[in-house]
Amino acid sequence: WLSKYYGKHYLNDALKIGIGIHHGKLHRCLSQ
């Protein structure tokens, strides 16, 4: 879903191996 609507980003690959990322600039809904 992220790849389709946000484009290429390392978060997309991180999620596949059970890893998330969180920082203050990330869209709030994605952090939540």
Full PDB file with SEQRES, HELIX, SHEET, SSBOND, CRYST1, ORIGX, SCALE, CONECT and MASTER records, all heavy atoms in Angstrom:
SEQRES   1 A   32  TRP LEU SER LYS TYR TYR GLY LYS HIS TYR LEU ASN ASP          
SEQRES   2 A   32  ALA LEU LYS ILE GLY ILE GLY ILE HIS HIS GLY LYS LEU          
SEQRES   3 A   32  HIS ARG CYS LEU SER GLN                                      
HELIX    1 AA1 LEU A    2  TYR A    6  1                                   5    
HELIX    2 AA2 TYR A   10  LYS A   16  1                                   7    
HELIX    3 AA3 ARG A   28  SER A   31  1                                   4    
CRYST1    1.000    1.000    1.000  90.00  90.00  90.00 P 1           1          
ORIGX1      1.000000  0.000000  0.000000        0.00000                         
ORIGX2      0.000000  1.000000  0.000000        0.00000                         
ORIGX3      0.000000  0.000000  1.000000        0.00000                         
SCALE1      1.000000  0.000000  0.000000        0.00000                         
SCALE2      0.000000  1.000000  0.000000        0.00000                         
SCALE3      0.000000  0.000000  1.000000        0.00000                         
ATOM      1  N   TRP A   1       0.831  -1.202   0.000  1.00  0.00           N  
ATOM      2  CA  TRP A   1       0.000   0.000   0.000  1.00  0.00           C  
ATOM      3  C   TRP A   1       0.870   1.259   0.000  1.00  0.00           C  
ATOM      4  O   TRP A   1       0.618   2.212  -0.744  1.00  0.00           O  
ATOM      5  CB  TRP A   1      -0.909  -0.029   1.228  1.00  0.00           C  
ATOM      6  CG  TRP A   1      -1.926   1.062   1.299  1.00  0.00           C  
ATOM      7  CD1 TRP A   1      -3.178   1.070   0.741  1.00  0.00           C  
ATOM      8  CD2 TRP A   1      -1.790   2.323   1.969  1.00  0.00           C  
ATOM      9  NE1 TRP A   1      -3.833   2.253   1.022  1.00  0.00           N  
ATOM     10  CE2 TRP A   1      -3.005   3.034   1.777  1.00  0.00           C  
ATOM     11  CE3 TRP A   1      -0.773   2.914   2.714  1.00  0.00           C  
ATOM     12  CZ2 TRP A   1      -3.208   4.305   2.303  1.00  0.00           C  
ATOM     13  CZ3 TRP A   1      -0.980   4.183   3.244  1.00  0.00           C  
ATOM     14  CH2 TRP A   1      -2.180   4.864   3.040  1.00  0.00           C  
ATOM     15  N   LEU A   2       1.918   1.254   0.814  1.00  0.00           N  
ATOM     16  CA  LEU A   2       2.841   2.390   0.860  1.00  0.00           C  
ATOM     17  C   LEU A   2       3.564   2.569  -0.473  1.00  0.00           C  
ATOM     18  O   LEU A   2       3.727   3.693  -0.958  1.00  0.00           O  
ATOM     19  CB  LEU A   2       3.862   2.192   1.977  1.00  0.00           C  
ATOM     20  CG  LEU A   2       3.371   2.415   3.406  1.00  0.00           C  
ATOM     21  CD1 LEU A   2       4.422   1.946   4.411  1.00  0.00           C  
ATOM     22  CD2 LEU A   2       3.052   3.878   3.647  1.00  0.00           C  
ATOM     23  N   SER A   3       3.994   1.470  -1.061  1.00  0.00           N  
ATOM     24  CA  SER A   3       4.699   1.551  -2.348  1.00  0.00           C  
ATOM     25  C   SER A   3       3.817   2.175  -3.415  1.00  0.00           C  
ATOM     26  O   SER A   3       4.279   2.977  -4.228  1.00  0.00           O  
ATOM     27  CB  SER A   3       5.138   0.148  -2.796  1.00  0.00           C  
ATOM     28  OG  SER A   3       6.067  -0.395  -1.891  1.00  0.00           O  
ATOM     29  N   LYS A   4       2.534   1.817  -3.396  1.00  0.00           N  
ATOM     30  CA  LYS A   4       1.605   2.311  -4.410  1.00  0.00           C  
ATOM     31  C   LYS A   4       1.303   3.793  -4.231  1.00  0.00           C  
ATOM     32  O   LYS A   4       1.267   4.544  -5.213  1.00  0.00           O  
ATOM     33  CB  LYS A   4       0.307   1.504  -4.358  1.00  0.00           C  
ATOM     34  CG  LYS A   4      -0.729   1.920  -5.403  1.00  0.00           C  
ATOM     35  CD  LYS A   4      -1.933   0.994  -5.378  1.00  0.00           C  
ATOM     36  CE  LYS A   4      -2.963   1.387  -6.425  1.00  0.00           C  
ATOM     37  NZ  LYS A   4      -4.129   0.466  -6.435  1.00  0.00           N  
ATOM     38  N   TYR A   5       1.107   4.217  -2.977  1.00  0.00           N  
ATOM     39  CA  TYR A   5       0.618   5.576  -2.750  1.00  0.00           C  
ATOM     40  C   TYR A   5       1.676   6.566  -2.248  1.00  0.00           C  
ATOM     41  O   TYR A   5       1.431   7.768  -2.254  1.00  0.00           O  
ATOM     42  CB  TYR A   5      -0.558   5.537  -1.772  1.00  0.00           C  
ATOM     43  CG  TYR A   5      -1.756   4.840  -2.361  1.00  0.00           C  
ATOM     44  CD1 TYR A   5      -2.151   3.587  -1.912  1.00  0.00           C  
ATOM     45  CD2 TYR A   5      -2.474   5.405  -3.406  1.00  0.00           C  
ATOM     46  CE1 TYR A   5      -3.241   2.926  -2.466  1.00  0.00           C  
ATOM     47  CE2 TYR A   5      -3.566   4.765  -3.973  1.00  0.00           C  
ATOM     48  CZ  TYR A   5      -3.939   3.523  -3.496  1.00  0.00           C  
ATOM     49  OH  TYR A   5      -5.015   2.877  -4.057  1.00  0.00           O  
ATOM     50  N   TYR A   6       2.829   6.058  -1.829  1.00  0.00           N  
ATOM     51  CA  TYR A   6       3.901   6.950  -1.379  1.00  0.00           C  
ATOM     52  C   TYR A   6       5.163   6.833  -2.230  1.00  0.00           C  
ATOM     53  O   TYR A   6       6.032   7.689  -2.170  1.00  0.00           O  
ATOM     54  CB  TYR A   6       4.250   6.664   0.085  1.00  0.00           C  
ATOM     55  CG  TYR A   6       3.311   7.329   1.066  1.00  0.00           C  
ATOM     56  CD1 TYR A   6       2.088   6.765   1.385  1.00  0.00           C  
ATOM     57  CD2 TYR A   6       3.644   8.537   1.667  1.00  0.00           C  
ATOM     58  CE1 TYR A   6       1.213   7.381   2.263  1.00  0.00           C  
ATOM     59  CE2 TYR A   6       2.784   9.158   2.564  1.00  0.00           C  
ATOM     60  CZ  TYR A   6       1.569   8.573   2.855  1.00  0.00           C  
ATOM     61  OH  TYR A   6       0.713   9.199   3.730  1.00  0.00           O  
ATOM     62  N   GLY A   7       5.249   5.750  -2.987  1.00  0.00           N  
ATOM     63  CA  GLY A   7       6.433   5.572  -3.817  1.00  0.00           C  
ATOM     64  C   GLY A   7       7.534   4.834  -3.088  1.00  0.00           C  
ATOM     65  O   GLY A   7       7.342   4.270  -2.005  1.00  0.00           O  
ATOM     66  N   LYS A   8       8.701   4.859  -3.651  1.00  0.00           N  
ATOM     67  CA  LYS A   8       9.835   4.101  -3.127  1.00  0.00           C  
ATOM     68  C   LYS A   8      10.346   4.711  -1.825  1.00  0.00           C  
ATOM     69  O   LYS A   8      10.588   5.910  -1.736  1.00  0.00           O  
ATOM     70  CB  LYS A   8      10.957   4.089  -4.173  1.00  0.00           C  
ATOM     71  CG  LYS A   8      12.113   3.179  -3.816  1.00  0.00           C  
ATOM     72  CD  LYS A   8      13.150   3.170  -4.942  1.00  0.00           C  
ATOM     73  CE  LYS A   8      14.327   2.259  -4.584  1.00  0.00           C  
ATOM     74  NZ  LYS A   8      15.355   2.248  -5.650  1.00  0.00           N  
ATOM     75  N   HIS A   9      10.499   3.865  -0.812  1.00  0.00           N  
ATOM     76  CA  HIS A   9      11.040   4.313   0.467  1.00  0.00           C  
ATOM     77  C   HIS A   9      11.484   3.091   1.258  1.00  0.00           C  
ATOM     78  O   HIS A   9      10.887   2.014   1.147  1.00  0.00           O  
ATOM     79  CB  HIS A   9       9.989   5.094   1.263  1.00  0.00           C  
ATOM     80  CG  HIS A   9      10.539   5.840   2.430  1.00  0.00           C  
ATOM     81  ND1 HIS A   9      10.442   5.407   3.728  1.00  0.00           N  
ATOM     82  CD2 HIS A   9      11.218   7.014   2.505  1.00  0.00           C  
ATOM     83  CE1 HIS A   9      11.022   6.269   4.545  1.00  0.00           C  
ATOM     84  NE2 HIS A   9      11.505   7.259   3.823  1.00  0.00           N  
ATOM     85  N   TYR A  10      12.517   3.252   2.073  1.00  0.00           N  
ATOM     86  CA  TYR A  10      13.036   2.090   2.788  1.00  0.00           C  
ATOM     87  C   TYR A  10      12.063   1.553   3.839  1.00  0.00           C  
ATOM     88  O   TYR A  10      12.157   0.394   4.253  1.00  0.00           O  
ATOM     89  CB  TYR A  10      14.397   2.396   3.416  1.00  0.00           C  
ATOM     90  CG  TYR A  10      14.400   3.383   4.554  1.00  0.00           C  
ATOM     91  CD1 TYR A  10      14.326   2.943   5.871  1.00  0.00           C  
ATOM     92  CD2 TYR A  10      14.514   4.749   4.330  1.00  0.00           C  
ATOM     93  CE1 TYR A  10      14.343   3.836   6.930  1.00  0.00           C  
ATOM     94  CE2 TYR A  10      14.526   5.649   5.372  1.00  0.00           C  
ATOM     95  CZ  TYR A  10      14.449   5.187   6.667  1.00  0.00           C  
ATOM     96  OH  TYR A  10      14.454   6.078   7.720  1.00  0.00           O  
ATOM     97  N   LEU A  11      11.077   2.357   4.263  1.00  0.00           N  
ATOM     98  CA  LEU A  11      10.066   1.857   5.188  1.00  0.00           C  
ATOM     99  C   LEU A  11       9.298   0.694   4.572  1.00  0.00           C  
ATOM    100  O   LEU A  11       8.938  -0.266   5.271  1.00  0.00           O  
ATOM    101  CB  LEU A  11       9.094   2.980   5.574  1.00  0.00           C  
ATOM    102  CG  LEU A  11       7.867   2.566   6.395  1.00  0.00           C  
ATOM    103  CD1 LEU A  11       8.283   1.904   7.713  1.00  0.00           C  
ATOM    104  CD2 LEU A  11       6.966   3.768   6.676  1.00  0.00           C  
ATOM    105  N   ASN A  12       9.057   0.753   3.272  1.00  0.00           N  
ATOM    106  CA  ASN A  12       8.318  -0.315   2.594  1.00  0.00           C  
ATOM    107  C   ASN A  12       9.007  -1.663   2.776  1.00  0.00           C  
ATOM    108  O   ASN A  12       8.367  -2.684   3.058  1.00  0.00           O  
ATOM    109  CB  ASN A  12       8.175  -0.018   1.100  1.00  0.00           C  
ATOM    110  CG  ASN A  12       7.619   1.367   0.830  1.00  0.00           C  
ATOM    111  OD1 ASN A  12       7.076   2.004   1.716  1.00  0.00           O  
ATOM    112  ND2 ASN A  12       7.769   1.843  -0.393  1.00  0.00           N  
ATOM    113  N   ASP A  13      10.333  -1.673   2.615  1.00  0.00           N  
ATOM    114  CA  ASP A  13      11.102  -2.912   2.773  1.00  0.00           C  
ATOM    115  C   ASP A  13      11.264  -3.274   4.245  1.00  0.00           C  
ATOM    116  O   ASP A  13      11.298  -4.454   4.599  1.00  0.00           O  
ATOM    117  CB  ASP A  13      12.476  -2.763   2.114  1.00  0.00           C  
ATOM    118  CG  ASP A  13      12.374  -2.563   0.611  1.00  0.00           C  
ATOM    119  OD1 ASP A  13      11.483  -3.188   0.000  1.00  0.00           O  
ATOM    120  OD2 ASP A  13      13.165  -1.782   0.054  1.00  0.00           O  
ATOM    121  N   ALA A  14      11.363  -2.254   5.093  1.00  0.00           N  
ATOM    122  CA  ALA A  14      11.535  -2.508   6.529  1.00  0.00           C  
ATOM    123  C   ALA A  14      10.335  -3.265   7.096  1.00  0.00           C  
ATOM    124  O   ALA A  14      10.484  -4.201   7.893  1.00  0.00           O  
ATOM    125  CB  ALA A  14      11.734  -1.190   7.271  1.00  0.00           C  
ATOM    126  N   LEU A  15       9.143  -2.877   6.683  1.00  0.00           N  
ATOM    127  CA  LEU A  15       7.927  -3.527   7.196  1.00  0.00           C  
ATOM    128  C   LEU A  15       7.903  -5.016   6.879  1.00  0.00           C  
ATOM    129  O   LEU A  15       7.402  -5.826   7.678  1.00  0.00           O  
ATOM    130  CB  LEU A  15       6.685  -2.848   6.615  1.00  0.00           C  
ATOM    131  CG  LEU A  15       6.377  -1.452   7.153  1.00  0.00           C  
ATOM    132  CD1 LEU A  15       5.333  -0.767   6.280  1.00  0.00           C  
ATOM    133  CD2 LEU A  15       5.897  -1.514   8.601  1.00  0.00           C  
ATOM    134  N   LYS A  16       8.453  -5.394   5.742  1.00  0.00           N  
ATOM    135  CA  LYS A  16       8.444  -6.807   5.330  1.00  0.00           C  
ATOM    136  C   LYS A  16       9.250  -7.682   6.291  1.00  0.00           C  
ATOM    137  O   LYS A  16       9.006  -8.889   6.372  1.00  0.00           O  
ATOM    138  CB  LYS A  16       9.007  -6.943   3.915  1.00  0.00           C  
ATOM    139  CG  LYS A  16       8.134  -6.310   2.838  1.00  0.00           C  
ATOM    140  CD  LYS A  16       8.802  -6.427   1.479  1.00  0.00           C  
ATOM    141  CE  LYS A  16       8.014  -5.708   0.390  1.00  0.00           C  
ATOM    142  NZ  LYS A  16       8.697  -5.744  -0.910  1.00  0.00           N  
ATOM    143  N   ILE A  17      10.210  -7.087   6.983  1.00  0.00           N  
ATOM    144  CA  ILE A  17      11.001  -7.880   7.935  1.00  0.00           C  
ATOM    145  C   ILE A  17      10.664  -7.490   9.379  1.00  0.00           C  
ATOM    146  O   ILE A  17      11.466  -7.676  10.293  1.00  0.00           O  
ATOM    147  CB  ILE A  17      12.517  -7.745   7.668  1.00  0.00           C  
ATOM    148  CG1 ILE A  17      12.973  -6.278   7.711  1.00  0.00           C  
ATOM    149  CG2 ILE A  17      12.882  -8.367   6.337  1.00  0.00           C  
ATOM    150  CD1 ILE A  17      14.488  -6.117   7.672  1.00  0.00           C  
ATOM    151  N   GLY A  18       9.455  -6.930   9.560  1.00  0.00           N  
ATOM    152  CA  GLY A  18       8.973  -6.681  10.917  1.00  0.00           C  
ATOM    153  C   GLY A  18       9.575  -5.480  11.604  1.00  0.00           C  
ATOM    154  O   GLY A  18       9.636  -5.419  12.831  1.00  0.00           O  
ATOM    155  N   ILE A  19      10.030  -4.486  10.827  1.00  0.00           N  
ATOM    156  CA  ILE A  19      10.666  -3.296  11.394  1.00  0.00           C  
ATOM    157  C   ILE A  19       9.885  -2.055  10.974  1.00  0.00           C  
ATOM    158  O   ILE A  19       9.510  -1.899   9.800  1.00  0.00           O  
ATOM    159  CB  ILE A  19      12.134  -3.178  10.926  1.00  0.00           C  
ATOM    160  CG1 ILE A  19      12.954  -4.344  11.489  1.00  0.00           C  
ATOM    161  CG2 ILE A  19      12.748  -1.838  11.358  1.00  0.00           C  
ATOM    162  CD1 ILE A  19      14.356  -4.424  10.927  1.00  0.00           C  
ATOM    163  N   GLY A  20       9.634  -1.168  11.919  1.00  0.00           N  
ATOM    164  CA  GLY A  20       9.003   0.111  11.632  1.00  0.00           C  
ATOM    165  C   GLY A  20       9.958   1.252  11.898  1.00  0.00           C  
ATOM    166  O   GLY A  20      11.012   1.064  12.512  1.00  0.00           O  
ATOM    167  N   ILE A  21       9.607   2.451  11.423  1.00  0.00           N  
ATOM    168  CA  ILE A  21      10.397   3.646  11.706  1.00  0.00           C  
ATOM    169  C   ILE A  21       9.462   4.734  12.223  1.00  0.00           C  
ATOM    170  O   ILE A  21       8.275   4.747  11.907  1.00  0.00           O  
ATOM    171  CB  ILE A  21      11.181   4.145  10.468  1.00  0.00           C  
ATOM    172  CG1 ILE A  21      10.215   4.648   9.382  1.00  0.00           C  
ATOM    173  CG2 ILE A  21      12.090   3.069   9.931  1.00  0.00           C  
ATOM    174  CD1 ILE A  21      10.905   5.408   8.267  1.00  0.00           C  
ATOM    175  N   HIS A  22      10.011   5.627  13.023  1.00  0.00           N  
ATOM    176  CA  HIS A  22       9.188   6.687  13.624  1.00  0.00           C  
ATOM    177  C   HIS A  22      10.041   7.934  13.794  1.00  0.00           C  
ATOM    178  O   HIS A  22      11.095   7.889  14.424  1.00  0.00           O  
ATOM    179  CB  HIS A  22       8.665   6.213  14.979  1.00  0.00           C  
ATOM    180  CG  HIS A  22       7.504   7.011  15.513  1.00  0.00           C  
ATOM    181  ND1 HIS A  22       7.632   8.320  15.930  1.00  0.00           N  
ATOM    182  CD2 HIS A  22       6.204   6.686  15.702  1.00  0.00           C  
ATOM    183  CE1 HIS A  22       6.450   8.757  16.362  1.00  0.00           C  
ATOM    184  NE2 HIS A  22       5.570   7.789  16.233  1.00  0.00           N  
ATOM    185  N   HIS A  23       9.583   9.035  13.198  1.00  0.00           N  
ATOM    186  CA  HIS A  23      10.239  10.326  13.435  1.00  0.00           C  
ATOM    187  C   HIS A  23       9.207  11.428  13.285  1.00  0.00           C  
ATOM    188  O   HIS A  23       8.097  11.205  12.767  1.00  0.00           O  
ATOM    189  CB  HIS A  23      11.443  10.548  12.509  1.00  0.00           C  
ATOM    190  CG  HIS A  23      11.133  10.436  11.041  1.00  0.00           C  
ATOM    191  ND1 HIS A  23      10.461  11.432  10.345  1.00  0.00           N  
ATOM    192  CD2 HIS A  23      11.395   9.456  10.136  1.00  0.00           C  
ATOM    193  CE1 HIS A  23      10.348  11.075   9.078  1.00  0.00           C  
ATOM    194  NE2 HIS A  23      10.884   9.880   8.914  1.00  0.00           N  
ATOM    195  N   GLY A  24       9.540  12.613  13.733  1.00  0.00           N  
ATOM    196  CA  GLY A  24       8.578  13.700  13.836  1.00  0.00           C  
ATOM    197  C   GLY A  24       8.060  14.229  12.519  1.00  0.00           C  
ATOM    198  O   GLY A  24       7.015  14.874  12.481  1.00  0.00           O  
ATOM    199  N   LYS A  25       8.754  13.976  11.414  1.00  0.00           N  
ATOM    200  CA  LYS A  25       8.335  14.512  10.122  1.00  0.00           C  
ATOM    201  C   LYS A  25       7.447  13.543   9.348  1.00  0.00           C  
ATOM    202  O   LYS A  25       6.807  13.921   8.373  1.00  0.00           O  
ATOM    203  CB  LYS A  25       9.565  14.860   9.269  1.00  0.00           C  
ATOM    204  CG  LYS A  25      10.512  15.873   9.904  1.00  0.00           C  
ATOM    205  CD  LYS A  25       9.828  17.213  10.119  1.00  0.00           C  
ATOM    206  CE  LYS A  25      10.801  18.280  10.597  1.00  0.00           C  
ATOM    207  NZ  LYS A  25      11.322  18.046  11.946  1.00  0.00           N  
ATOM    208  N   LEU A  26       7.408  12.295   9.750  1.00  0.00           N  
ATOM    209  CA  LEU A  26       6.596  11.288   9.070  1.00  0.00           C  
ATOM    210  C   LEU A  26       5.124  11.671   9.152  1.00  0.00           C  
ATOM    211  O   LEU A  26       4.682  12.229  10.151  1.00  0.00           O  
ATOM    212  CB  LEU A  26       6.820   9.937   9.748  1.00  0.00           C  
ATOM    213  CG  LEU A  26       6.456   8.670   8.995  1.00  0.00           C  
ATOM    214  CD1 LEU A  26       7.341   8.493   7.759  1.00  0.00           C  
ATOM    215  CD2 LEU A  26       6.607   7.458   9.912  1.00  0.00           C  
ATOM    216  N   HIS A  27       4.355  11.392   8.104  1.00  0.00           N  
ATOM    217  CA  HIS A  27       2.924  11.662   8.172  1.00  0.00           C  
ATOM    218  C   HIS A  27       2.332  10.996   9.406  1.00  0.00           C  
ATOM    219  O   HIS A  27       2.595   9.833   9.686  1.00  0.00           O  
ATOM    220  CB  HIS A  27       2.224  11.166   6.910  1.00  0.00           C  
ATOM    221  CG  HIS A  27       2.404  12.065   5.738  1.00  0.00           C  
ATOM    222  ND1 HIS A  27       2.020  11.728   4.463  1.00  0.00           N  
ATOM    223  CD2 HIS A  27       2.923  13.324   5.632  1.00  0.00           C  
ATOM    224  CE1 HIS A  27       2.287  12.720   3.630  1.00  0.00           C  
ATOM    225  NE2 HIS A  27       2.843  13.702   4.317  1.00  0.00           N  
ATOM    226  N   ARG A  28       1.497  11.748  10.118  1.00  0.00           N  
ATOM    227  CA  ARG A  28       1.031  11.295  11.433  1.00  0.00           C  
ATOM    228  C   ARG A  28       0.310   9.964  11.368  1.00  0.00           C  
ATOM    229  O   ARG A  28       0.472   9.113  12.240  1.00  0.00           O  
ATOM    230  CB  ARG A  28       0.118  12.361  12.035  1.00  0.00           C  
ATOM    231  CG  ARG A  28       0.868  13.636  12.376  1.00  0.00           C  
ATOM    232  CD  ARG A  28      -0.053  14.841  12.414  1.00  0.00           C  
ATOM    233  NE  ARG A  28       0.700  16.078  12.527  1.00  0.00           N  
ATOM    234  CZ  ARG A  28       0.218  17.269  12.224  1.00  0.00           C  
ATOM    235  NH1 ARG A  28      -1.022  17.380  11.803  1.00  0.00           N  
ATOM    236  NH2 ARG A  28       0.954  18.354  12.357  1.00  0.00           N  
ATOM    237  N   CYS A  29      -0.513   9.787  10.342  1.00  0.00           N  
ATOM    238  CA  CYS A  29      -1.270   8.537  10.240  1.00  0.00           C  
ATOM    239  C   CYS A  29      -0.331   7.343  10.080  1.00  0.00           C  
ATOM    240  O   CYS A  29      -0.601   6.253  10.612  1.00  0.00           O  
ATOM    241  CB  CYS A  29      -2.266   8.604   9.093  1.00  0.00           C  
ATOM    242  SG  CYS A  29      -1.534   9.053   7.513  1.00  0.00           S  
ATOM    243  N   LEU A  30       0.794   7.513   9.383  1.00  0.00           N  
ATOM    244  CA  LEU A  30       1.746   6.419   9.200  1.00  0.00           C  
ATOM    245  C   LEU A  30       2.440   6.082  10.516  1.00  0.00           C  
ATOM    246  O   LEU A  30       2.663   4.907  10.831  1.00  0.00           O  
ATOM    247  CB  LEU A  30       2.790   6.784   8.136  1.00  0.00           C  
ATOM    248  CG  LEU A  30       2.262   7.130   6.741  1.00  0.00           C  
ATOM    249  CD1 LEU A  30       3.418   7.333   5.774  1.00  0.00           C  
ATOM    250  CD2 LEU A  30       1.317   6.051   6.232  1.00  0.00           C  
ATOM    251  N   SER A  31       2.763   7.114  11.293  1.00  0.00           N  
ATOM    252  CA  SER A  31       3.358   6.880  12.614  1.00  0.00           C  
ATOM    253  C   SER A  31       2.381   6.143  13.510  1.00  0.00           C  
ATOM    254  O   SER A  31       2.737   5.164  14.192  1.00  0.00           O  
ATOM    255  CB  SER A  31       3.737   8.217  13.268  1.00  0.00           C  
ATOM    256  OG  SER A  31       4.639   8.945  12.477  1.00  0.00           O  
ATOM    257  N   GLN A  32       1.124   6.590  13.514  1.00  0.00           N  
ATOM    258  CA  GLN A  32       0.115   5.995  14.388  1.00  0.00           C  
ATOM    259  C   GLN A  32      -0.144   4.539  14.033  1.00  0.00           C  
ATOM    260  O   GLN A  32      -0.286   3.691  14.926  1.00  0.00           O  
ATOM    261  CB  GLN A  32      -1.184   6.796  14.283  1.00  0.00           C  
ATOM    262  CG  GLN A  32      -1.092   8.207  14.840  1.00  0.00           C  
ATOM    263  CD  GLN A  32      -2.249   9.080  14.376  1.00  0.00           C  
ATOM    264  OE1 GLN A  32      -3.084   8.668  13.586  1.00  0.00           O  
ATOM    265  NE2 GLN A  32      -2.290  10.304  14.865  1.00  0.00           N  
TER     266      GLN A  32                                                      
MASTER        0    0    0    3    0    0    0    6  265    1    0    3          
END                                                                             
